[in-house]
Amino acid sequence: MRKTADCRRFPSESNCTLTISGEEEEVVRAATEHAVSVHGHTDGPELRAQVREFLTDVIPEHA
């Protein structure tokens, strides 16, 4: 199932609005890189676990 990481769920000084969607491992990797480069977090197992916790499922759209 596809996952989404949405920065709007977590208030920040930058008022970030980035949303990342894809397969879980892709989203964890991209969201972690974003958290480090934009929000100043330190990469590591703890950050990746936090990113994983706030992922939400993408609801498939039906045609």
PDB file of N, CA and C in Angstrom:
ATOM      1  N   MET A   1       0.841  -1.182   0.000  1.00  0.00           N
ATOM      2  CA  MET A   1       0.000   0.000   0.000  1.00  0.00           C
ATOM      3  C   MET A   1       0.886   1.245   0.000  1.00  0.00           C
ATOM      4  N   ARG A   2       0.487   2.226  -0.782  1.00  0.00           N
ATOM      5  CA  ARG A   2       1.220   3.492  -0.838  1.00  0.00           C
ATOM      6  C   ARG A   2       1.031   4.264   0.462  1.00  0.00           C
ATOM      7  N   LYS A   3       2.048   5.040   0.819  1.00  0.00           N
ATOM      8  CA  LYS A   3       2.044   5.835   2.040  1.00  0.00           C
ATOM      9  C   LYS A   3       2.276   7.303   1.701  1.00  0.00           C
ATOM     10  N   THR A   4       1.893   8.172   2.635  1.00  0.00           N
ATOM     11  CA  THR A   4       2.100   9.612   2.484  1.00  0.00           C
ATOM     12  C   THR A   4       2.716  10.178   3.750  1.00  0.00           C
ATOM     13  N   ALA A   5       3.674  11.084   3.557  1.00  0.00           N
ATOM     14  CA  ALA A   5       4.224  11.897   4.646  1.00  0.00           C
ATOM     15  C   ALA A   5       3.838  13.337   4.321  1.00  0.00           C
ATOM     16  N   ASP A   6       3.160  14.006   5.243  1.00  0.00           N
ATOM     17  CA  ASP A   6       2.647  15.357   4.992  1.00  0.00           C
ATOM     18  C   ASP A   6       3.142  16.307   6.077  1.00  0.00           C
ATOM     19  N   CYS A   7       4.019  17.234   5.717  1.00  0.00           N
ATOM     20  CA  CYS A   7       4.590  18.178   6.686  1.00  0.00           C
ATOM     21  C   CYS A   7       3.527  19.092   7.307  1.00  0.00           C
ATOM     22  N   ARG A   8       2.411  19.268   6.652  1.00  0.00           N
ATOM     23  CA  ARG A   8       1.370  20.145   7.203  1.00  0.00           C
ATOM     24  C   ARG A   8       0.813  19.612   8.515  1.00  0.00           C
ATOM     25  N   ARG A   9       1.001  18.329   8.786  1.00  0.00           N
ATOM     26  CA  ARG A   9       0.516  17.735  10.043  1.00  0.00           C
ATOM     27  C   ARG A   9       1.361  18.153  11.234  1.00  0.00           C
ATOM     28  N   PHE A  10       2.534  18.736  10.974  1.00  0.00           N
ATOM     29  CA  PHE A  10       3.461  19.108  12.039  1.00  0.00           C
ATOM     30  C   PHE A  10       3.888  20.555  11.864  1.00  0.00           C
ATOM     31  N   PRO A  11       3.355  21.456  12.691  1.00  0.00           N
ATOM     32  CA  PRO A  11       3.700  22.872  12.561  1.00  0.00           C
ATOM     33  C   PRO A  11       5.214  23.083  12.671  1.00  0.00           C
ATOM     34  N   SER A  12       5.712  23.966  11.833  1.00  0.00           N
ATOM     35  CA  SER A  12       7.132  24.291  11.858  1.00  0.00           C
ATOM     36  C   SER A  12       7.312  25.771  11.605  1.00  0.00           C
ATOM     37  N   GLU A  13       8.486  26.275  11.902  1.00  0.00           N
ATOM     38  CA  GLU A  13       8.774  27.679  11.665  1.00  0.00           C
ATOM     39  C   GLU A  13       8.660  28.034  10.191  1.00  0.00           C
ATOM     40  N   SER A  14       8.951  27.095   9.320  1.00  0.00           N
ATOM     41  CA  SER A  14       8.924  27.359   7.878  1.00  0.00           C
ATOM     42  C   SER A  14       7.530  27.179   7.270  1.00  0.00           C
ATOM     43  N   ASN A  15       6.559  26.717   8.072  1.00  0.00           N
ATOM     44  CA  ASN A  15       5.212  26.440   7.558  1.00  0.00           C
ATOM     45  C   ASN A  15       5.259  25.563   6.307  1.00  0.00           C
ATOM     46  N   CYS A  16       6.048  24.521   6.375  1.00  0.00           N
ATOM     47  CA  CYS A  16       6.267  23.623   5.244  1.00  0.00           C
ATOM     48  C   CYS A  16       4.958  22.944   4.833  1.00  0.00           C
ATOM     49  N   THR A  17       4.762  22.832   3.529  1.00  0.00           N
ATOM     50  CA  THR A  17       3.548  22.207   2.999  1.00  0.00           C
ATOM     51  C   THR A  17       3.857  20.980   2.133  1.00  0.00           C
ATOM     52  N   LEU A  18       5.078  20.474   2.194  1.00  0.00           N
ATOM     53  CA  LEU A  18       5.472  19.360   1.344  1.00  0.00           C
ATOM     54  C   LEU A  18       4.711  18.087   1.706  1.00  0.00           C
ATOM     55  N   THR A  19       4.263  17.368   0.689  1.00  0.00           N
ATOM     56  CA  THR A  19       3.653  16.053   0.842  1.00  0.00           C
ATOM     57  C   THR A  19       4.407  15.090  -0.066  1.00  0.00           C
ATOM     58  N   ILE A  20       4.790  13.942   0.484  1.00  0.00           N
ATOM     59  CA  ILE A  20       5.531  12.928  -0.260  1.00  0.00           C
ATOM     60  C   ILE A  20       4.702  11.648  -0.239  1.00  0.00           C
ATOM     61  N   SER A  21       4.488  11.041  -1.414  1.00  0.00           N
ATOM     62  CA  SER A  21       3.729   9.794  -1.501  1.00  0.00           C
ATOM     63  C   SER A  21       4.489   8.775  -2.315  1.00  0.00           C
ATOM     64  N   GLY A  22       4.331   7.516  -1.949  1.00  0.00           N
ATOM     65  CA  GLY A  22       4.963   6.427  -2.683  1.00  0.00           C
ATOM     66  C   GLY A  22       4.963   5.169  -1.842  1.00  0.00           C
ATOM     67  N   GLU A  23       5.788   4.215  -2.239  1.00  0.00           N
ATOM     68  CA  GLU A  23       5.942   3.003  -1.447  1.00  0.00           C
ATOM     69  C   GLU A  23       6.624   3.370  -0.135  1.00  0.00           C
ATOM     70  N   GLU A  24       6.329   2.644   0.929  1.00  0.00           N
ATOM     71  CA  GLU A  24       6.775   3.020   2.263  1.00  0.00           C
ATOM     72  C   GLU A  24       8.265   3.329   2.354  1.00  0.00           C
ATOM     73  N   GLU A  25       9.115   2.467   1.841  1.00  0.00           N
ATOM     74  CA  GLU A  25      10.561   2.693   1.959  1.00  0.00           C
ATOM     75  C   GLU A  25      10.999   3.943   1.199  1.00  0.00           C
ATOM     76  N   GLU A  26      10.372   4.198   0.040  1.00  0.00           N
ATOM     77  CA  GLU A  26      10.688   5.417  -0.724  1.00  0.00           C
ATOM     78  C   GLU A  26      10.320   6.656   0.072  1.00  0.00           C
ATOM     79  N   VAL A  27       9.159   6.627   0.691  1.00  0.00           N
ATOM     80  CA  VAL A  27       8.677   7.791   1.441  1.00  0.00           C
ATOM     81  C   VAL A  27       9.530   8.010   2.685  1.00  0.00           C
ATOM     82  N   VAL A  28       9.878   6.951   3.389  1.00  0.00           N
ATOM     83  CA  VAL A  28      10.731   7.092   4.576  1.00  0.00           C
ATOM     84  C   VAL A  28      12.058   7.719   4.175  1.00  0.00           C
ATOM     85  N   ARG A  29      12.659   7.235   3.106  1.00  0.00           N
ATOM     86  CA  ARG A  29      13.952   7.761   2.651  1.00  0.00           C
ATOM     87  C   ARG A  29      13.838   9.238   2.263  1.00  0.00           C
ATOM     88  N   ALA A  30      12.846   9.578   1.440  1.00  0.00           N
ATOM     89  CA  ALA A  30      12.688  10.955   0.972  1.00  0.00           C
ATOM     90  C   ALA A  30      12.291  11.898   2.101  1.00  0.00           C
ATOM     91  N   ALA A  31      11.397  11.458   2.968  1.00  0.00           N
ATOM     92  CA  ALA A  31      10.958  12.311   4.080  1.00  0.00           C
ATOM     93  C   ALA A  31      12.091  12.535   5.077  1.00  0.00           C
ATOM     94  N   THR A  32      12.928  11.520   5.272  1.00  0.00           N
ATOM     95  CA  THR A  32      14.074  11.677   6.161  1.00  0.00           C
ATOM     96  C   THR A  32      15.063  12.674   5.572  1.00  0.00           C
ATOM     97  N   GLU A  33      15.348  12.556   4.285  1.00  0.00           N
ATOM     98  CA  GLU A  33      16.251  13.507   3.623  1.00  0.00           C
ATOM     99  C   GLU A  33      15.696  14.923   3.724  1.00  0.00           C
ATOM    100  N   HIS A  34      14.389  15.072   3.551  1.00  0.00           N
ATOM    101  CA  HIS A  34      13.745  16.377   3.659  1.00  0.00           C
ATOM    102  C   HIS A  34      13.852  16.923   5.085  1.00  0.00           C
ATOM    103  N   ALA A  35      13.594  16.077   6.073  1.00  0.00           N
ATOM    104  CA  ALA A  35      13.659  16.504   7.477  1.00  0.00           C
ATOM    105  C   ALA A  35      15.064  16.980   7.837  1.00  0.00           C
ATOM    106  N   VAL A  36      16.074  16.336   7.283  1.00  0.00           N
ATOM    107  CA  VAL A  36      17.457  16.719   7.553  1.00  0.00           C
ATOM    108  C   VAL A  36      17.814  18.007   6.825  1.00  0.00           C
ATOM    109  N   SER A  37      17.545  18.065   5.515  1.00  0.00           N
ATOM    110  CA  SER A  37      18.003  19.210   4.717  1.00  0.00           C
ATOM    111  C   SER A  37      17.190  20.476   4.939  1.00  0.00           C
ATOM    112  N   VAL A  38      15.899  20.344   5.223  1.00  0.00           N
ATOM    113  CA  VAL A  38      15.042  21.528   5.361  1.00  0.00           C
ATOM    114  C   VAL A  38      14.786  21.889   6.821  1.00  0.00           C
ATOM    115  N   HIS A  39      14.556  20.886   7.647  1.00  0.00           N
ATOM    116  CA  HIS A  39      14.150  21.148   9.029  1.00  0.00           C
ATOM    117  C   HIS A  39      15.279  20.988  10.056  1.00  0.00           C
ATOM    118  N   GLY A  40      16.471  20.596   9.590  1.00  0.00           N
ATOM    119  CA  GLY A  40      17.630  20.548  10.472  1.00  0.00           C
ATOM    120  C   GLY A  40      17.711  19.371  11.422  1.00  0.00           C
ATOM    121  N   HIS A  41      16.937  18.318  11.168  1.00  0.00           N
ATOM    122  CA  HIS A  41      17.008  17.125  12.014  1.00  0.00           C
ATOM    123  C   HIS A  41      18.280  16.335  11.693  1.00  0.00           C
ATOM    124  N   THR A  42      18.638  15.441  12.577  1.00  0.00           N
ATOM    125  CA  THR A  42      19.802  14.582  12.384  1.00  0.00           C
ATOM    126  C   THR A  42      19.327  13.212  11.935  1.00  0.00           C
ATOM    127  N   ASP A  43      19.886  12.724  10.828  1.00  0.00           N
ATOM    128  CA  ASP A  43      19.495  11.409  10.314  1.00  0.00           C
ATOM    129  C   ASP A  43      19.965  10.319  11.269  1.00  0.00           C
ATOM    130  N   GLY A  44      19.150   9.304  11.385  1.00  0.00           N
ATOM    131  CA  GLY A  44      19.494   8.160  12.215  1.00  0.00           C
ATOM    132  C   GLY A  44      18.274   7.299  12.436  1.00  0.00           C
ATOM    133  N   PRO A  45      18.449   6.179  13.107  1.00  0.00           N
ATOM    134  CA  PRO A  45      17.343   5.240  13.321  1.00  0.00           C
ATOM    135  C   PRO A  45      16.143   5.875  14.038  1.00  0.00           C
ATOM    136  N   GLU A  46      16.398   6.772  14.988  1.00  0.00           N
ATOM    137  CA  GLU A  46      15.301   7.403  15.731  1.00  0.00           C
ATOM    138  C   GLU A  46      14.450   8.282  14.814  1.00  0.00           C
ATOM    139  N   LEU A  47      15.097   9.084  13.977  1.00  0.00           N
ATOM    140  CA  LEU A  47      14.351   9.938  13.044  1.00  0.00           C
ATOM    141  C   LEU A  47      13.553   9.087  12.066  1.00  0.00           C
ATOM    142  N   ARG A  48      14.172   8.050  11.534  1.00  0.00           N
ATOM    143  CA  ARG A  48      13.469   7.188  10.575  1.00  0.00           C
ATOM    144  C   ARG A  48      12.269   6.496  11.229  1.00  0.00           C
ATOM    145  N   ALA A  49      12.386   6.134  12.489  1.00  0.00           N
ATOM    146  CA  ALA A  49      11.261   5.534  13.214  1.00  0.00           C
ATOM    147  C   ALA A  49      10.142   6.559  13.386  1.00  0.00           C
ATOM    148  N   GLN A  50      10.505   7.798  13.693  1.00  0.00           N
ATOM    149  CA  GLN A  50       9.494   8.852  13.834  1.00  0.00           C
ATOM    150  C   GLN A  50       8.797   9.112  12.503  1.00  0.00           C
ATOM    151  N   VAL A  51       9.560   9.153  11.431  1.00  0.00           N
ATOM    152  CA  VAL A  51       8.972   9.358  10.105  1.00  0.00           C
ATOM    153  C   VAL A  51       7.984   8.238   9.815  1.00  0.00           C
ATOM    154  N   ARG A  52       8.386   7.007  10.082  1.00  0.00           N
ATOM    155  CA  ARG A  52       7.525   5.847   9.832  1.00  0.00           C
ATOM    156  C   ARG A  52       6.219   5.936  10.621  1.00  0.00           C
ATOM    157  N   GLU A  53       6.297   6.441  11.850  1.00  0.00           N
ATOM    158  CA  GLU A  53       5.105   6.562  12.703  1.00  0.00           C
ATOM    159  C   GLU A  53       4.077   7.545  12.151  1.00  0.00           C
ATOM    160  N   PHE A  54       4.510   8.606  11.480  1.00  0.00           N
ATOM    161  CA  PHE A  54       3.543   9.593  11.029  1.00  0.00           C
ATOM    162  C   PHE A  54       3.076   9.381   9.587  1.00  0.00           C
ATOM    163  N   LEU A  55       3.498   8.280   8.960  1.00  0.00           N
ATOM    164  CA  LEU A  55       3.001   7.994   7.619  1.00  0.00           C
ATOM    165  C   LEU A  55       1.526   7.612   7.669  1.00  0.00           C
ATOM    166  N   THR A  56       0.801   8.004   6.649  1.00  0.00           N
ATOM    167  CA  THR A  56      -0.589   7.604   6.526  1.00  0.00           C
ATOM    168  C   THR A  56      -0.777   6.839   5.223  1.00  0.00           C
ATOM    169  N   ASP A  57      -1.800   6.005   5.184  1.00  0.00           N
ATOM    170  CA  ASP A  57      -2.106   5.239   3.985  1.00  0.00           C
ATOM    171  C   ASP A  57      -2.736   6.143   2.937  1.00  0.00           C
ATOM    172  N   VAL A  58      -2.373   5.900   1.688  1.00  0.00           N
ATOM    173  CA  VAL A  58      -3.004   6.600   0.576  1.00  0.00           C
ATOM    174  C   VAL A  58      -4.245   5.810   0.193  1.00  0.00           C
ATOM    175  N   ILE A  59      -5.377   6.487   0.184  1.00  0.00           N
ATOM    176  CA  ILE A  59      -6.630   5.849  -0.208  1.00  0.00           C
ATOM    177  C   ILE A  59      -6.680   5.802  -1.744  1.00  0.00           C
ATOM    178  N   PRO A  60      -6.759   4.614  -2.328  1.00  0.00           N
ATOM    179  CA  PRO A  60      -6.805   4.525  -3.799  1.00  0.00           C
ATOM    180  C   PRO A  60      -8.055   5.186  -4.351  1.00  0.00           C
ATOM    181  N   GLU A  61      -7.855   5.896  -5.446  1.00  0.00           N
ATOM    182  CA  GLU A  61      -9.010   6.508  -6.116  1.00  0.00           C
ATOM    183  C   GLU A  61      -9.574   5.501  -7.107  1.00  0.00           C
ATOM    184  N   HIS A  62     -10.887   5.417  -7.147  1.00  0.00           N
ATOM    185  CA  HIS A  62     -11.548   4.498  -8.098  1.00  0.00           C
ATOM    186  C   HIS A  62     -12.070   5.305  -9.273  1.00  0.00           C
ATOM    187  N   ALA A  63     -11.859   4.784 -10.454  1.00  0.00           N
ATOM    188  CA  ALA A  63     -12.291   5.485 -11.665  1.00  0.00           C
ATOM    189  C   ALA A  63     -13.768   5.352 -11.881  1.00  0.00           C
TER     190      ALA A  63
END
